[in-house]
Each structure stands twice: as structure tokens, then as C-alpha cells.
Amino acid sequence: MAYVFLLISSSCLAFVLGLLQFYMLETLLGMPGAGSRDATIQNISAIVTFGTVLIYVLSGPLASACRKRYVMFVAAGCAGLLFVAGGQLGWRPSAWVYLGVMGVLLGIYNAAKMALVPLVAAQIGRSTTVVNGGMSVVFLLGLLPGFPTGTWLYAQMPAQGHLVVGALLLFAAALALGCVCTCEAPRPFAAEQRRIVHETVGLLRRHWQWLVGGPLVWGVASAAQLAAAALLVRRGIVDQRAASCMPIFAAGGAVIGTALSPVFLRRRYSAAMLAVLGMACLLPCVPHVAVSFVVVAGLVVVMGVLFGVATNVIDSALLERVAAEGREGSGAALQSAMLALMMVSASGSVGQSLAHGWITPDAQFLVLSGFAMIPAIIILRMAFSTGEVRL
């Protein structure tokens, strides 16, 4: 039953994560002095994700030192109460403060959730890969419908939607209490913190190309799908509800690319480099060919396929390397933190540039194309270092 509770709680929280981002997008755009949709959507993604990075050196040790179900319960419960309080106060002093703290609390929840995976796997007699695969599936099943639901919720309940979000977070917190693992053995917080700092430094020194290249592709892809959604609304092609479905098309393409990626394992770095270059070439074309929802959605699906191919072969290579060192747990945790950091870097850079008027909304696609060239160069270097490509 622990696995069932873990799946349902994780799915519910993923749904809330998608919902609150698009609900808060419409909320912020309705406030006096609101910025553009393009800037706001990127900045929301950046500030919520930044919490995972900010709390990284504390969240893992906290999950090791305490019963993980209690960490999840407190983190999700506090997030729910905070969101309700923010809505009741009219988001004073600033909605951005609430989003930032929410990001930290959700980062704590996610660290404890992932720390439960190997324990639940041992308890139910399944492999960690199978259990983690189930977690990935329910995360997507929860997250993707959350995006359009957030826009719908604001349209139906603009002044009371925060109560729905808060209730869902409290529900996820209550479900977390059912994640009981009898094999759990808490360890001293201080010792765990020293260990994670030491291992992080070592992993970055040995595997920095894999820890930067793959996650940066994630960051570019995440920012690109948000930019595409904002573009559709800005040009009046579709309304907010239809545009909020864009991440679903991106995810569909990513699933196809991930399924195709094993075909390229013998030449993984060459395939990944070409896929990222393909993304870099397609991104500047988006504003020029955006004549209908179907065209933009089609481009997003194609970029999703390229993304899926590139990230799966690079991420799997990293997991193989850290597993060979016996550090698959800390390696996966650091990979998640780097993924969040690169999402913050891509979305935050674009969002702030748009907010300050340094670039035009259409120019953000060109900026993201430039970002994509960085992992392409890193992956090319990896191809040379592994002997896959020779001069």
C-alpha cells in the first residue's frame, strides 16, 4: 500500500504544480502593473523551479534524517496553507514571494518523495527502475492536465481558486502519511549534509559535461514550450485555455523521442548533438511560421521528439557512469538539481530580458536557439572524449 499512496500523492502534487503555475499566470496578469504574458510565464517557471535548487543541500539530508512521509506531509501541508493564506491576503506583499516559498516547500517534498523510491522498491520486491518508472508516468499524468486546468480554474473562480489549490495540496499531504516503509532508518542530519556536499563536488568534477549538457537541453525545451504558448495568445491565434495545452504536445513528442532513442545508443553522442542542433535550427523559425495552432503544435511535437532523443541518451549515460561508481542515488539527486538549475537559467534569463525590454517577445526564440548551441558544443566534446568522433 505504501507504493499506492506514494503514486497518488505524487500525482496529486504534480497536478497542483501544473495548475498553480497557469492559475498564477492569469492572476498576475490581472494585477495592476502586470508585465507581458511572455515574460510572466517564464518568470513563474523560473521562480518555482528555483526552490528545488535553493534547498538542494538541505532537502536531501532532511529526508535522510527524518521519516520521509512526515517530511512530505509537512512540506505539502505548509504549501497548501501558504497558498490559501496568500489568496486570502490578496497576495500581499507580493505574489512572487509566495511562489518562491512554494518552490522551496515543493523541493523539500520532491526530495523526500524520491528518497522513498528505493525503500518502497525493496519493500514490495520490485526493482528501483520499475518503481521509478511508475513515478515518472504518474508525474506526467498529473502535471499535463494541470496546465489547462489552471487556466480554466481562473476563468471560473478567479477569487476562490486558491482554495482549490490549497485543498489539493492538503489532500496530497494527507496521502503522504500512508507511505509507511518499515525498512526506513533515519541518519544524522549533519553527517548527511557533509556527505552530500562532498559527493556533489566530486560528481561535478568527474561528470560535469553530462550534468550540464543534458539538463541544459531540458531548460531550453521547457522555456520554448512556454514561449510557444504565450506566442499563440499574444497573436490572437487561440485563447488562454487552448494555449495552455501546448505542454501536452511537447510531452507527446518527448515520449516518441524517448522511445526512439535506444536505436541511437551505438552513436549516442552524435545522435544527441544532431538532435540538439535540430532544436536550435527550428526555434528561430517558430514566430515566422506561427499562422495557426496546428502549425505551432506540430513544431513543438518535432522539437519534443528531438528533445526526447537527446536527453534520454545523455541522461542514461550519466546514470550508467555514476552507477559504476556506486553513487547512483546521489548522482540522480544532483542530476535533478542541475535540471532545475538549467530550467531556472533558461526561463529566468528570457523572462528577465523580456520584463526589462532587452529583447522582443519574438526574439526570445533566437535567444533560446543560442542557449541550445551550448549543450550541442558540450555534447560534441563528449563525442570526441569518448572516441565516438575522431578528427
Protein backbone atom coordinates (compact mmCIF):
# COMPACT_ATOMS: atom_id res chain seq x y z
CA MET A 1 0.00 0.00 0.00
CA ALA A 2 2.94 2.37 0.55
CA TYR A 3 3.59 2.45 -3.20
CA VAL A 4 -0.07 3.16 -3.97
CA PHE A 5 -0.12 6.09 -1.53
CA LEU A 6 3.17 7.36 -2.95
CA LEU A 7 1.85 7.24 -6.53
CA ILE A 8 -1.42 9.00 -5.71
CA SER A 9 0.22 11.67 -3.54
CA SER A 10 2.89 12.33 -6.19
CA SER A 11 0.31 12.52 -8.99
CA CYS A 12 -1.84 14.91 -7.00
CA LEU A 13 1.09 17.19 -6.23
CA ALA A 14 2.25 17.14 -9.87
CA PHE A 15 -1.27 18.16 -10.91
CA VAL A 16 -1.15 21.06 -8.46
CA LEU A 17 2.29 22.11 -9.75
CA GLY A 18 0.93 22.50 -13.27
CA LEU A 19 -2.33 24.03 -12.09
CA LEU A 20 -0.86 26.69 -9.81
CA GLN A 21 1.60 27.93 -12.48
CA PHE A 22 -1.13 28.71 -15.01
CA TYR A 23 -3.60 29.88 -12.35
CA MET A 24 -0.98 32.31 -11.04
CA LEU A 25 -0.11 33.37 -14.58
CA GLU A 26 -3.64 34.68 -15.10
CA THR A 27 -3.72 36.08 -11.56
CA LEU A 28 -0.51 38.07 -12.05
CA LEU A 29 -1.59 39.31 -15.48
CA GLY A 30 -4.78 40.64 -13.89
CA MET A 31 -2.90 42.74 -11.31
CA PRO A 32 -2.03 46.43 -11.79
CA GLY A 33 1.34 46.96 -13.45
CA ALA A 34 1.45 43.41 -14.83
CA GLY A 35 4.14 42.67 -17.37
CA SER A 36 3.70 40.84 -20.64
CA ARG A 37 2.42 37.27 -20.81
CA ASP A 38 5.71 36.15 -22.39
CA ALA A 39 7.81 37.50 -19.50
CA THR A 40 5.43 36.44 -16.73
CA ILE A 41 5.08 32.83 -17.85
CA GLN A 42 8.87 32.40 -17.99
CA ASN A 43 9.45 34.10 -14.63
CA ILE A 44 6.84 31.94 -12.87
CA SER A 45 8.52 28.78 -14.16
CA ALA A 46 11.93 30.08 -13.06
CA ILE A 47 10.97 31.13 -9.54
CA VAL A 48 9.00 27.95 -8.73
CA THR A 49 11.82 25.74 -10.04
CA PHE A 50 14.49 27.76 -8.24
CA GLY A 51 13.24 26.47 -4.90
CA THR A 52 14.48 22.98 -5.76
CA VAL A 53 17.96 24.35 -6.44
CA LEU A 54 17.99 26.61 -3.39
CA ILE A 55 17.08 23.85 -0.96
CA TYR A 56 19.22 21.10 -2.58
CA VAL A 57 21.93 20.86 0.11
CA LEU A 58 19.27 20.74 2.85
CA SER A 59 16.38 18.76 1.35
CA GLY A 60 18.32 15.53 0.81
CA PRO A 61 19.85 15.42 4.32
CA LEU A 62 16.46 16.35 5.80
CA ALA A 63 14.84 13.42 4.01
CA SER A 64 17.59 11.13 5.35
CA ALA A 65 17.37 12.41 8.93
CA CYS A 66 13.56 12.25 9.30
CA ARG A 67 10.77 9.86 8.39
CA LYS A 68 10.17 10.70 4.76
CA ARG A 69 6.39 10.54 4.95
CA TYR A 70 6.44 13.19 7.69
CA VAL A 71 8.71 15.43 5.61
CA MET A 72 6.30 15.10 2.67
CA PHE A 73 3.29 15.73 4.92
CA VAL A 74 4.73 18.88 6.47
CA ALA A 75 6.09 20.28 3.18
CA ALA A 76 2.87 19.75 1.18
CA GLY A 77 0.69 20.80 4.12
CA CYS A 78 2.62 24.03 4.66
CA ALA A 79 2.48 24.74 0.91
CA GLY A 80 -1.31 24.33 0.98
CA LEU A 81 -1.76 26.61 3.98
CA LEU A 82 0.62 29.18 2.50
CA PHE A 83 -1.27 29.28 -0.80
CA VAL A 84 -4.61 29.71 0.97
CA ALA A 85 -3.17 32.48 3.16
CA GLY A 86 -1.70 34.25 0.12
CA GLY A 87 -5.02 34.21 -1.71
CA GLN A 88 -6.92 35.44 1.34
CA LEU A 89 -4.44 38.32 1.75
CA GLY A 90 -4.75 39.32 -1.89
CA TRP A 91 -1.17 38.07 -2.49
CA ARG A 92 0.31 40.82 -0.30
CA PRO A 93 3.12 41.79 -0.04
CA SER A 94 3.93 40.11 -3.38
CA ALA A 95 2.68 37.04 -5.25
CA TRP A 96 6.27 36.35 -6.28
CA VAL A 97 7.23 35.83 -2.62
CA TYR A 98 4.54 33.17 -2.24
CA LEU A 99 5.66 31.44 -5.44
CA GLY A 100 9.28 31.42 -4.27
CA VAL A 101 8.45 29.87 -0.89
CA MET A 102 6.13 27.38 -2.60
CA GLY A 103 9.06 26.33 -4.77
CA VAL A 104 11.21 25.68 -1.70
CA LEU A 105 8.49 23.62 0.01
CA LEU A 106 7.82 21.58 -3.12
CA GLY A 107 11.56 21.00 -3.46
CA ILE A 108 11.60 19.52 0.05
CA TYR A 109 8.60 17.32 -0.78
CA ASN A 110 10.21 16.06 -4.00
CA ALA A 111 13.50 15.16 -2.29
CA ALA A 112 11.67 13.06 0.29
CA LYS A 113 9.47 11.52 -2.40
CA MET A 114 12.45 10.39 -4.48
CA ALA A 115 14.28 9.14 -1.39
CA LEU A 116 11.33 6.80 -0.80
CA VAL A 117 11.68 5.13 -4.22
CA PRO A 118 14.44 2.61 -3.37
CA LEU A 119 12.84 1.88 0.04
CA VAL A 120 9.44 1.18 -1.49
CA ALA A 121 11.09 -0.94 -4.19
CA ALA A 122 12.76 -3.10 -1.54
CA GLN A 123 9.53 -3.35 0.45
CA ILE A 124 7.37 -4.54 -2.45
CA GLY A 125 10.07 -6.69 -4.05
CA ARG A 126 10.39 -4.71 -7.28
CA SER A 127 13.39 -3.10 -8.93
CA THR A 128 14.10 0.58 -8.33
CA THR A 129 13.88 1.12 -12.10
CA VAL A 130 10.31 -0.21 -12.22
CA VAL A 131 9.19 1.84 -9.22
CA ASN A 132 10.87 4.99 -10.53
CA GLY A 133 9.28 4.40 -13.94
CA GLY A 134 5.86 4.32 -12.31
CA MET A 135 6.66 7.59 -10.54
CA SER A 136 7.62 9.22 -13.84
CA VAL A 137 4.41 8.09 -15.50
CA VAL A 138 2.11 9.38 -12.75
CA PHE A 139 4.06 12.64 -12.62
CA LEU A 140 3.31 13.30 -16.29
CA LEU A 141 -0.29 12.09 -15.94
CA GLY A 142 -0.76 14.56 -13.12
CA LEU A 143 1.26 17.50 -14.43
CA LEU A 144 -0.04 17.79 -18.00
CA PRO A 145 -3.78 18.15 -17.25
CA GLY A 146 -2.84 20.63 -14.53
CA PHE A 147 -1.79 23.28 -17.07
CA PRO A 148 -5.16 23.75 -18.83
CA THR A 149 -7.00 23.20 -15.54
CA GLY A 150 -5.17 26.15 -14.01
CA THR A 151 -6.36 28.45 -16.80
CA TRP A 152 -9.91 27.05 -16.52
CA LEU A 153 -9.91 27.47 -12.73
CA TYR A 154 -9.02 31.15 -13.00
CA ALA A 155 -11.77 31.69 -15.58
CA GLN A 156 -14.36 30.02 -13.34
CA MET A 157 -13.16 31.04 -9.86
CA PRO A 158 -10.71 33.96 -10.13
CA ALA A 159 -11.13 34.95 -6.47
CA GLN A 160 -11.53 31.48 -4.90
CA GLY A 161 -9.22 29.28 -6.98
CA HIS A 162 -6.52 29.43 -4.31
CA LEU A 163 -8.83 27.47 -2.00
CA VAL A 164 -8.98 24.63 -4.52
CA VAL A 165 -5.18 24.59 -4.89
CA GLY A 166 -4.74 24.64 -1.11
CA ALA A 167 -7.23 21.79 -0.63
CA LEU A 168 -5.45 19.64 -3.22
CA LEU A 169 -2.09 20.24 -1.54
CA LEU A 170 -3.54 19.26 1.85
CA PHE A 171 -5.00 16.14 0.23
CA ALA A 172 -1.56 15.23 -1.16
CA ALA A 173 -0.08 15.83 2.31
CA ALA A 174 -2.62 13.50 3.95
CA LEU A 175 -1.93 10.77 1.38
CA ALA A 176 1.81 11.05 2.10
CA LEU A 177 1.20 9.72 5.62
CA GLY A 178 0.30 6.38 4.06
CA CYS A 179 3.83 5.96 2.64
CA VAL A 180 5.00 3.76 5.51
CA CYS A 181 8.32 1.95 4.93
CA THR A 182 9.33 -0.46 7.66
CA CYS A 183 12.93 -0.62 6.40
CA GLU A 184 13.48 3.13 6.84
CA ALA A 185 16.46 4.05 9.05
CA PRO A 186 16.97 7.79 9.66
CA ARG A 187 20.57 9.04 9.75
CA PRO A 188 22.16 12.11 11.40
CA PHE A 189 21.39 15.33 9.53
CA ALA A 190 24.86 16.89 9.89
CA ALA A 191 26.64 13.77 8.62
CA GLU A 192 24.29 13.54 5.63
CA GLN A 193 24.84 17.19 4.77
CA ARG A 194 28.62 16.78 4.80
CA ARG A 195 28.29 13.70 2.63
CA ILE A 196 26.10 15.36 0.00
CA VAL A 197 28.41 18.38 -0.27
CA HIS A 198 31.45 16.14 -0.67
CA GLU A 199 29.79 13.89 -3.25
CA THR A 200 28.37 16.84 -5.19
CA VAL A 201 31.82 18.36 -5.64
CA GLY A 202 33.27 15.04 -6.77
CA LEU A 203 30.45 14.26 -9.20
CA LEU A 204 30.63 17.71 -10.78
CA ARG A 205 34.40 17.39 -11.22
CA ARG A 206 34.17 13.98 -12.91
CA HIS A 207 30.93 14.27 -14.88
CA TRP A 208 30.31 17.99 -15.44
CA GLN A 209 29.70 17.56 -19.18
CA TRP A 210 26.83 15.13 -18.60
CA LEU A 211 25.49 17.16 -15.67
CA VAL A 212 25.40 20.37 -17.72
CA GLY A 213 24.73 19.19 -21.29
CA GLY A 214 21.58 17.11 -20.73
CA PRO A 215 19.93 19.41 -18.15
CA LEU A 216 20.54 22.48 -20.32
CA VAL A 217 18.59 20.82 -23.13
CA TRP A 218 15.77 20.34 -20.59
CA GLY A 219 15.95 24.04 -19.71
CA VAL A 220 15.77 25.17 -23.34
CA ALA A 221 12.86 22.82 -24.12
CA SER A 222 10.89 23.93 -21.06
CA ALA A 223 11.31 27.62 -21.88
CA ALA A 224 10.49 27.01 -25.56
CA GLN A 225 7.12 25.37 -24.91
CA LEU A 226 6.12 28.23 -22.58
CA ALA A 227 7.22 30.77 -25.20
CA ALA A 228 5.13 28.98 -27.83
CA ALA A 229 2.05 29.04 -25.57
CA ALA A 230 2.47 32.78 -24.94
CA LEU A 231 3.01 33.45 -28.66
CA LEU A 232 -0.32 31.86 -29.57
CA VAL A 233 -2.23 34.08 -27.15
CA ARG A 234 -0.27 37.25 -27.99
CA ARG A 235 -1.11 36.90 -31.69
CA GLY A 236 -4.73 36.02 -31.02
CA ILE A 237 -4.45 32.60 -32.68
CA VAL A 238 -6.13 30.81 -29.74
CA ASP A 239 -7.32 31.73 -26.25
CA GLN A 240 -5.51 31.05 -22.98
CA ARG A 241 -7.17 27.68 -22.39
CA ALA A 242 -6.13 26.23 -25.75
CA ALA A 243 -2.61 27.66 -25.45
CA SER A 244 -2.15 26.05 -22.01
CA CYS A 245 -2.42 22.64 -23.73
CA MET A 246 0.90 23.23 -25.51
CA PRO A 247 2.96 21.29 -22.89
CA ILE A 248 0.86 18.22 -23.72
CA PHE A 249 2.09 18.31 -27.34
CA ALA A 250 5.67 18.80 -26.12
CA ALA A 251 5.33 15.80 -23.82
CA GLY A 252 3.88 13.68 -26.63
CA GLY A 253 6.88 14.44 -28.81
CA ALA A 254 9.24 13.72 -25.92
CA VAL A 255 7.64 10.30 -25.38
CA ILE A 256 8.15 9.45 -29.07
CA GLY A 257 11.77 10.64 -28.96
CA THR A 258 12.48 8.68 -25.79
CA ALA A 259 11.04 5.53 -27.38
CA LEU A 260 13.23 6.04 -30.47
CA SER A 261 16.42 6.87 -28.55
CA PRO A 262 17.65 3.25 -27.98
CA VAL A 263 18.15 2.99 -31.77
CA PHE A 264 20.96 5.56 -31.47
CA LEU A 265 22.83 4.12 -28.48
CA ARG A 266 25.80 2.94 -30.56
CA ARG A 267 26.35 6.55 -31.70
CA ARG A 268 24.61 8.26 -28.83
CA TYR A 269 26.63 11.47 -28.71
CA SER A 270 26.48 12.05 -32.47
CA ALA A 271 22.71 11.49 -32.41
CA ALA A 272 22.26 13.76 -29.39
CA MET A 273 24.34 16.53 -30.95
CA LEU A 274 22.36 16.41 -34.20
CA ALA A 275 19.08 16.40 -32.28
CA VAL A 276 20.06 19.47 -30.25
CA LEU A 277 21.28 21.24 -33.40
CA GLY A 278 17.91 20.45 -34.94
CA MET A 279 16.18 22.13 -32.00
CA ALA A 280 18.49 25.14 -32.32
CA CYS A 281 17.61 25.48 -36.01
CA LEU A 282 13.86 25.11 -35.51
CA LEU A 283 13.48 27.55 -32.61
CA PRO A 284 14.05 30.80 -34.58
CA CYS A 285 11.50 29.61 -37.16
CA VAL A 286 8.59 29.40 -34.69
CA PRO A 287 7.49 33.08 -34.77
CA HIS A 288 7.81 33.20 -38.57
CA VAL A 289 5.58 30.20 -39.29
CA ALA A 290 3.09 30.69 -36.43
CA VAL A 291 -0.02 31.04 -38.58
CA SER A 292 -2.18 28.50 -36.76
CA PHE A 293 -2.34 26.36 -33.65
CA VAL A 294 -1.76 23.21 -35.72
CA VAL A 295 1.49 24.53 -37.21
CA VAL A 296 2.90 25.63 -33.84
CA ALA A 297 1.80 22.41 -32.13
CA GLY A 298 3.43 20.42 -34.94
CA LEU A 299 6.73 22.25 -34.49
CA VAL A 300 6.54 21.68 -30.74
CA VAL A 301 5.98 17.96 -31.30
CA VAL A 302 9.01 17.76 -33.62
CA MET A 303 11.17 19.61 -31.11
CA GLY A 304 9.82 17.29 -28.41
CA VAL A 305 10.98 14.27 -30.43
CA LEU A 306 14.46 15.78 -30.82
CA PHE A 307 14.49 16.63 -27.12
CA GLY A 308 13.49 13.08 -26.16
CA VAL A 309 16.26 11.53 -28.25
CA ALA A 310 18.96 13.88 -26.94
CA THR A 311 18.09 13.86 -23.25
CA ASN A 312 17.44 10.15 -22.88
CA VAL A 313 20.77 9.06 -24.38
CA ILE A 314 22.71 11.66 -22.36
CA ASP A 315 20.85 11.16 -19.08
CA SER A 316 21.11 7.38 -19.31
CA ALA A 317 24.86 7.70 -19.95
CA LEU A 318 25.22 9.76 -16.78
CA LEU A 319 23.25 7.24 -14.72
CA GLU A 320 25.44 4.44 -16.06
CA ARG A 321 28.60 6.33 -15.12
CA VAL A 322 27.51 7.15 -11.56
CA ALA A 323 26.12 3.64 -11.05
CA ALA A 324 29.56 2.23 -11.94
CA GLU A 325 30.93 4.32 -9.05
CA GLY A 326 28.21 3.11 -6.67
CA ARG A 327 26.74 6.62 -6.41
CA GLU A 328 23.53 6.23 -8.37
CA GLY A 329 21.44 7.82 -5.58
CA SER A 330 23.49 10.99 -5.16
CA GLY A 331 24.09 11.13 -8.92
CA ALA A 332 20.36 11.07 -9.67
CA ALA A 333 19.69 13.71 -6.99
CA LEU A 334 22.39 16.00 -8.41
CA GLN A 335 21.07 15.46 -11.92
CA SER A 336 17.61 16.58 -10.76
CA ALA A 337 19.09 19.66 -9.10
CA MET A 338 21.09 20.55 -12.21
CA LEU A 339 18.00 20.06 -14.35
CA ALA A 340 16.13 22.54 -12.14
CA LEU A 341 19.07 24.96 -12.24
CA MET A 342 19.18 24.92 -16.04
CA MET A 343 15.42 25.46 -16.24
CA VAL A 344 15.83 28.48 -13.98
CA SER A 345 18.75 29.73 -16.10
CA ALA A 346 16.88 29.46 -19.41
CA SER A 347 13.44 30.65 -18.30
CA GLY A 348 14.82 33.23 -15.89
CA SER A 349 17.18 34.76 -18.43
CA VAL A 350 14.46 35.04 -21.05
CA GLY A 351 11.85 36.21 -18.57
CA GLN A 352 14.02 38.96 -17.11
CA SER A 353 15.18 40.08 -20.56
CA LEU A 354 11.57 40.39 -21.68
CA ALA A 355 10.50 42.14 -18.48
CA HIS A 356 13.22 44.78 -18.87
CA GLY A 357 12.62 45.21 -22.59
CA TRP A 358 16.08 43.98 -23.57
CA ILE A 359 14.60 41.64 -26.19
CA THR A 360 11.30 41.45 -28.06
CA PRO A 361 8.90 38.52 -27.48
CA ASP A 362 9.75 37.03 -30.89
CA ALA A 363 13.48 37.40 -30.21
CA GLN A 364 13.27 35.03 -27.24
CA PHE A 365 13.21 32.11 -29.69
CA LEU A 366 16.52 33.27 -31.14
CA VAL A 367 17.96 33.59 -27.61
CA LEU A 368 16.82 30.07 -26.77
CA SER A 369 18.41 28.86 -30.00
CA GLY A 370 21.68 30.36 -28.79
CA PHE A 371 21.26 28.57 -25.47
CA ALA A 372 20.77 25.29 -27.35
CA MET A 373 24.13 25.71 -29.07
CA ILE A 374 25.89 25.44 -25.69
CA PRO A 375 24.86 21.81 -24.99
CA ALA A 376 25.47 20.98 -28.67
CA ILE A 377 29.11 22.04 -28.24
CA ILE A 378 29.39 20.20 -24.92
CA ILE A 379 27.96 17.01 -26.45
CA LEU A 380 30.37 17.30 -29.39
CA ARG A 381 33.21 17.48 -26.86
CA MET A 382 31.83 14.36 -25.18
CA ALA A 383 31.80 12.59 -28.55
CA PHE A 384 35.49 13.40 -29.02
CA SER A 385 36.43 12.45 -25.44
CA THR A 386 34.77 9.03 -25.73
CA GLY A 387 36.28 8.33 -29.15
CA GLU A 388 32.89 8.24 -30.90
CA VAL A 389 34.02 11.06 -33.22
CA ARG A 390 37.59 11.41 -34.47
CA LEU A 391 39.31 14.12 -36.47
